[in-house]
Amino acid sequence: LYNNQIGDSGTYEIVASLKHNSTLTDLGLSNCPICTLGTDFLSTRRLDFCEMPYDELVWPPPSLCADGRDAIYSFLEAVQEKCIPLARSRAMFVGAGGSGKTTL
């Protein structure tokens, strides 16, 4: 996959497919325009070699990426542990005028 135009969404698809592939040991994405890594990147931990433009990443933070792959894995594991699903819903407040609905 060297020198392909695989961006962030392509990386997500590749990493997601690694969950079902136990024979791949090396992954080279060094010249691909990848800017972010999500927690799905944790599935690459079992790879012997995973080359990508770590110095061009925006997320995880570049200062962390400079410490290498193990630091990225530790960061993403912490993110995964602390994440909770975001739930949003709409609410309608009904009441008499001047009762303070707007200030809620």
N, C-alpha and C. Protein backbone atom coordinates (compact mmCIF):
# COMPACT_ATOMS: atom_id res chain seq x y z
N LEU A 1 0.81 -1.20 0.00
CA LEU A 1 0.00 0.00 0.00
C LEU A 1 0.85 1.26 0.00
N TYR A 2 2.11 1.06 -0.29
CA TYR A 2 3.06 2.16 -0.30
C TYR A 2 2.70 3.17 -1.38
N ASN A 3 2.67 4.43 -1.02
CA ASN A 3 2.47 5.54 -1.94
C ASN A 3 1.08 5.55 -2.58
N ASN A 4 0.07 5.10 -1.88
CA ASN A 4 -1.31 5.20 -2.34
C ASN A 4 -1.96 6.41 -1.72
N GLN A 5 -3.08 6.81 -2.23
CA GLN A 5 -3.80 7.96 -1.69
C GLN A 5 -4.82 7.51 -0.65
N ILE A 6 -4.38 6.65 0.24
CA ILE A 6 -5.26 6.18 1.30
C ILE A 6 -5.25 7.23 2.40
N GLY A 7 -6.38 7.81 2.67
CA GLY A 7 -6.48 8.81 3.72
C GLY A 7 -7.01 8.20 5.00
N ASP A 8 -7.60 9.03 5.83
CA ASP A 8 -8.09 8.58 7.13
C ASP A 8 -9.19 7.52 7.02
N SER A 9 -10.13 7.71 6.09
CA SER A 9 -11.22 6.74 5.97
C SER A 9 -10.71 5.40 5.42
N GLY A 10 -9.75 5.46 4.51
CA GLY A 10 -9.16 4.23 4.00
C GLY A 10 -8.39 3.49 5.07
N THR A 11 -7.71 4.24 5.92
CA THR A 11 -6.97 3.63 7.02
C THR A 11 -7.92 2.92 7.96
N TYR A 12 -9.06 3.54 8.23
CA TYR A 12 -10.07 2.92 9.09
C TYR A 12 -10.50 1.58 8.51
N GLU A 13 -10.76 1.52 7.21
CA GLU A 13 -11.20 0.28 6.56
C GLU A 13 -10.12 -0.80 6.62
N ILE A 14 -8.87 -0.40 6.39
CA ILE A 14 -7.77 -1.37 6.44
C ILE A 14 -7.61 -1.93 7.84
N VAL A 15 -7.60 -1.04 8.81
CA VAL A 15 -7.41 -1.46 10.20
C VAL A 15 -8.58 -2.33 10.65
N ALA A 16 -9.79 -1.98 10.25
CA ALA A 16 -10.96 -2.79 10.61
C ALA A 16 -10.86 -4.19 10.03
N SER A 17 -10.31 -4.31 8.82
CA SER A 17 -10.19 -5.63 8.20
C SER A 17 -9.10 -6.47 8.88
N LEU A 18 -8.17 -5.83 9.57
CA LEU A 18 -7.12 -6.59 10.27
C LEU A 18 -7.67 -7.43 11.41
N LYS A 19 -8.83 -7.06 11.91
CA LYS A 19 -9.45 -7.84 12.99
C LYS A 19 -9.75 -9.26 12.53
N HIS A 20 -9.91 -9.45 11.22
CA HIS A 20 -10.27 -10.76 10.67
C HIS A 20 -9.10 -11.43 9.95
N ASN A 21 -7.93 -10.81 9.95
CA ASN A 21 -6.77 -11.35 9.25
C ASN A 21 -5.65 -11.58 10.26
N SER A 22 -5.33 -12.82 10.51
CA SER A 22 -4.29 -13.13 11.49
C SER A 22 -2.95 -13.45 10.84
N THR A 23 -2.87 -13.42 9.51
CA THR A 23 -1.63 -13.80 8.84
C THR A 23 -0.75 -12.61 8.46
N LEU A 24 -1.32 -11.42 8.34
CA LEU A 24 -0.55 -10.24 7.98
C LEU A 24 0.35 -9.83 9.14
N THR A 25 1.63 -9.60 8.84
CA THR A 25 2.58 -9.21 9.89
C THR A 25 3.20 -7.85 9.65
N ASP A 26 3.20 -7.36 8.40
CA ASP A 26 3.80 -6.08 8.06
C ASP A 26 2.78 -5.21 7.32
N LEU A 27 2.76 -3.93 7.65
CA LEU A 27 1.86 -3.00 6.98
C LEU A 27 2.63 -1.71 6.72
N GLY A 28 2.77 -1.36 5.44
CA GLY A 28 3.50 -0.16 5.07
C GLY A 28 2.58 0.88 4.48
N LEU A 29 2.38 1.97 5.19
CA LEU A 29 1.52 3.07 4.74
C LEU A 29 2.29 4.38 4.77
N SER A 30 3.60 4.32 4.54
CA SER A 30 4.46 5.48 4.79
C SER A 30 4.18 6.70 3.93
N ASN A 31 3.77 6.55 2.71
CA ASN A 31 3.53 7.72 1.85
C ASN A 31 2.05 7.99 1.63
N CYS A 32 1.23 7.57 2.53
CA CYS A 32 -0.21 7.79 2.42
C CYS A 32 -0.59 9.00 3.27
N PRO A 33 -1.52 9.82 2.80
CA PRO A 33 -1.89 11.04 3.54
C PRO A 33 -2.82 10.75 4.72
N ILE A 34 -2.27 10.23 5.78
CA ILE A 34 -3.04 9.88 6.97
C ILE A 34 -2.81 10.97 8.02
N CYS A 35 -3.89 11.50 8.58
CA CYS A 35 -3.78 12.58 9.56
C CYS A 35 -4.25 12.18 10.95
N THR A 36 -5.18 11.23 11.02
CA THR A 36 -5.74 10.85 12.31
C THR A 36 -5.79 9.34 12.47
N LEU A 37 -5.66 8.90 13.71
CA LEU A 37 -5.80 7.49 14.05
C LEU A 37 -6.85 7.37 15.14
N GLY A 38 -7.81 6.50 14.94
CA GLY A 38 -8.81 6.25 15.96
C GLY A 38 -8.44 5.05 16.80
N THR A 39 -9.30 4.71 17.74
CA THR A 39 -9.02 3.57 18.62
C THR A 39 -9.01 2.25 17.86
N ASP A 40 -9.56 2.23 16.66
CA ASP A 40 -9.50 1.02 15.84
C ASP A 40 -8.05 0.67 15.46
N PHE A 41 -7.16 1.64 15.54
CA PHE A 41 -5.74 1.40 15.24
C PHE A 41 -5.12 0.41 16.23
N LEU A 42 -5.76 0.20 17.37
CA LEU A 42 -5.25 -0.75 18.37
C LEU A 42 -5.15 -2.16 17.81
N SER A 43 -5.92 -2.47 16.78
CA SER A 43 -5.87 -3.82 16.21
C SER A 43 -4.57 -4.08 15.46
N THR A 44 -3.74 -3.05 15.24
CA THR A 44 -2.45 -3.24 14.57
C THR A 44 -1.34 -3.59 15.56
N ARG A 45 -1.67 -3.65 16.83
CA ARG A 45 -0.66 -3.92 17.85
C ARG A 45 0.06 -5.24 17.61
N ARG A 46 -0.63 -6.21 17.08
CA ARG A 46 -0.03 -7.54 16.88
C ARG A 46 0.94 -7.58 15.69
N LEU A 47 0.95 -6.55 14.86
CA LEU A 47 1.84 -6.52 13.69
C LEU A 47 3.30 -6.36 14.13
N ASP A 48 4.18 -7.03 13.42
CA ASP A 48 5.62 -6.88 13.69
C ASP A 48 6.12 -5.52 13.20
N PHE A 49 5.55 -5.06 12.11
CA PHE A 49 6.01 -3.83 11.47
C PHE A 49 4.80 -3.05 10.97
N CYS A 50 4.69 -1.79 11.36
CA CYS A 50 3.61 -0.93 10.89
C CYS A 50 4.19 0.45 10.62
N GLU A 51 4.45 0.71 9.35
CA GLU A 51 5.07 1.97 8.96
C GLU A 51 4.02 2.93 8.42
N MET A 52 4.02 4.13 8.94
CA MET A 52 3.12 5.17 8.47
C MET A 52 3.71 6.52 8.83
N PRO A 53 3.18 7.60 8.29
CA PRO A 53 3.74 8.92 8.55
C PRO A 53 3.38 9.43 9.95
N TYR A 54 3.98 8.83 10.99
CA TYR A 54 3.66 9.21 12.36
C TYR A 54 3.93 10.69 12.62
N ASP A 55 4.95 11.25 11.98
CA ASP A 55 5.30 12.65 12.21
C ASP A 55 4.31 13.63 11.56
N GLU A 56 3.40 13.14 10.71
CA GLU A 56 2.41 14.00 10.07
C GLU A 56 1.03 13.88 10.71
N LEU A 57 0.90 13.07 11.74
CA LEU A 57 -0.40 12.89 12.38
C LEU A 57 -0.82 14.13 13.15
N VAL A 58 -2.12 14.40 13.10
CA VAL A 58 -2.70 15.49 13.87
C VAL A 58 -3.34 14.92 15.15
N TRP A 59 -3.87 13.71 15.05
CA TRP A 59 -4.47 13.02 16.20
C TRP A 59 -4.06 11.58 16.14
N PRO A 60 -3.49 11.02 17.17
CA PRO A 60 -3.08 11.57 18.45
C PRO A 60 -2.12 12.75 18.30
N PRO A 61 -1.98 13.55 19.35
CA PRO A 61 -1.14 14.75 19.28
C PRO A 61 0.28 14.44 18.79
N PRO A 62 0.83 15.30 17.94
CA PRO A 62 2.16 15.07 17.38
C PRO A 62 3.25 14.87 18.43
N SER A 63 3.16 15.57 19.56
CA SER A 63 4.18 15.41 20.61
C SER A 63 4.18 13.98 21.15
N LEU A 64 3.03 13.37 21.19
CA LEU A 64 2.92 11.98 21.65
C LEU A 64 3.42 11.02 20.57
N CYS A 65 3.10 11.29 19.32
CA CYS A 65 3.51 10.42 18.22
C CYS A 65 5.02 10.36 18.08
N ALA A 66 5.71 11.42 18.50
CA ALA A 66 7.17 11.44 18.43
C ALA A 66 7.79 10.38 19.35
N ASP A 67 7.03 9.92 20.33
CA ASP A 67 7.52 8.90 21.27
C ASP A 67 7.38 7.48 20.72
N GLY A 68 6.76 7.33 19.56
CA GLY A 68 6.68 6.03 18.91
C GLY A 68 5.35 5.32 19.04
N ARG A 69 5.32 4.15 18.45
CA ARG A 69 4.10 3.36 18.34
C ARG A 69 3.55 2.93 19.69
N ASP A 70 4.42 2.55 20.62
CA ASP A 70 3.94 2.12 21.93
C ASP A 70 3.23 3.25 22.67
N ALA A 71 3.74 4.47 22.53
CA ALA A 71 3.09 5.62 23.17
C ALA A 71 1.71 5.87 22.56
N ILE A 72 1.60 5.68 21.24
CA ILE A 72 0.31 5.85 20.57
C ILE A 72 -0.68 4.81 21.07
N TYR A 73 -0.24 3.57 21.19
CA TYR A 73 -1.12 2.51 21.68
C TYR A 73 -1.60 2.81 23.11
N SER A 74 -0.69 3.24 23.96
CA SER A 74 -1.08 3.56 25.34
C SER A 74 -2.11 4.69 25.38
N PHE A 75 -1.89 5.71 24.56
CA PHE A 75 -2.82 6.84 24.50
C PHE A 75 -4.19 6.38 24.01
N LEU A 76 -4.21 5.60 22.93
CA LEU A 76 -5.50 5.16 22.37
C LEU A 76 -6.24 4.21 23.31
N GLU A 77 -5.51 3.40 24.06
CA GLU A 77 -6.15 2.54 25.06
C GLU A 77 -6.81 3.37 26.15
N ALA A 78 -6.14 4.43 26.59
CA ALA A 78 -6.71 5.32 27.60
C ALA A 78 -7.95 6.03 27.06
N VAL A 79 -7.90 6.45 25.80
CA VAL A 79 -9.05 7.10 25.17
C VAL A 79 -10.22 6.12 25.11
N GLN A 80 -9.93 4.89 24.72
CA GLN A 80 -10.99 3.88 24.58
C GLN A 80 -11.64 3.57 25.93
N GLU A 81 -10.86 3.53 27.00
CA GLU A 81 -11.39 3.24 28.32
C GLU A 81 -12.29 4.35 28.84
N LYS A 82 -11.98 5.58 28.49
CA LYS A 82 -12.71 6.72 29.02
C LYS A 82 -13.85 7.22 28.13
N CYS A 83 -14.00 6.65 26.96
CA CYS A 83 -15.05 7.08 26.04
C CYS A 83 -16.40 6.52 26.46
N ILE A 84 -17.39 7.36 26.34
CA ILE A 84 -18.76 6.92 26.55
C ILE A 84 -19.58 7.40 25.36
N PRO A 85 -20.59 6.64 24.99
CA PRO A 85 -21.41 7.07 23.85
C PRO A 85 -22.13 8.39 24.16
N LEU A 86 -22.18 9.24 23.18
CA LEU A 86 -22.85 10.51 23.32
C LEU A 86 -24.30 10.34 22.90
N ALA A 87 -25.18 10.67 23.80
CA ALA A 87 -26.61 10.57 23.49
C ALA A 87 -27.22 11.96 23.54
N ARG A 88 -27.94 12.30 22.52
CA ARG A 88 -28.61 13.59 22.46
C ARG A 88 -30.08 13.36 22.19
N SER A 89 -30.87 14.21 22.76
CA SER A 89 -32.30 14.16 22.47
C SER A 89 -32.85 15.57 22.53
N ARG A 90 -34.01 15.72 21.99
CA ARG A 90 -34.66 17.04 21.99
C ARG A 90 -35.62 17.12 23.17
N ALA A 91 -35.73 18.32 23.67
CA ALA A 91 -36.68 18.57 24.76
C ALA A 91 -37.52 19.79 24.41
N MET A 92 -38.78 19.72 24.75
CA MET A 92 -39.66 20.85 24.53
C MET A 92 -40.23 21.26 25.89
N PHE A 93 -40.03 22.52 26.22
CA PHE A 93 -40.53 23.03 27.49
C PHE A 93 -41.80 23.83 27.23
N VAL A 94 -42.83 23.47 27.92
CA VAL A 94 -44.11 24.13 27.76
C VAL A 94 -44.45 24.80 29.08
N GLY A 95 -44.86 26.03 29.01
CA GLY A 95 -45.23 26.74 30.24
C GLY A 95 -45.71 28.13 29.93
N ALA A 96 -46.17 28.77 30.96
CA ALA A 96 -46.69 30.13 30.82
C ALA A 96 -45.54 31.08 30.49
N GLY A 97 -45.89 32.16 29.80
CA GLY A 97 -44.91 33.17 29.48
C GLY A 97 -44.30 33.78 30.74
N GLY A 98 -43.01 34.01 30.71
CA GLY A 98 -42.35 34.63 31.87
C GLY A 98 -42.02 33.65 32.98
N SER A 99 -42.18 32.35 32.73
CA SER A 99 -41.89 31.37 33.79
C SER A 99 -40.43 30.90 33.79
N GLY A 100 -39.62 31.37 32.84
CA GLY A 100 -38.19 31.05 32.86
C GLY A 100 -37.75 29.91 31.95
N LYS A 101 -38.56 29.58 30.96
CA LYS A 101 -38.22 28.49 30.04
C LYS A 101 -36.94 28.80 29.26
N THR A 102 -36.77 30.01 28.83
CA THR A 102 -35.62 30.41 28.01
C THR A 102 -34.32 30.34 28.80
N THR A 103 -34.34 30.58 30.07
CA THR A 103 -33.11 30.61 30.87
C THR A 103 -32.63 29.22 31.27
N LEU A 104 -33.39 28.19 30.96
CA LEU A 104 -32.94 26.84 31.26
C LEU A 104 -31.77 26.54 30.44
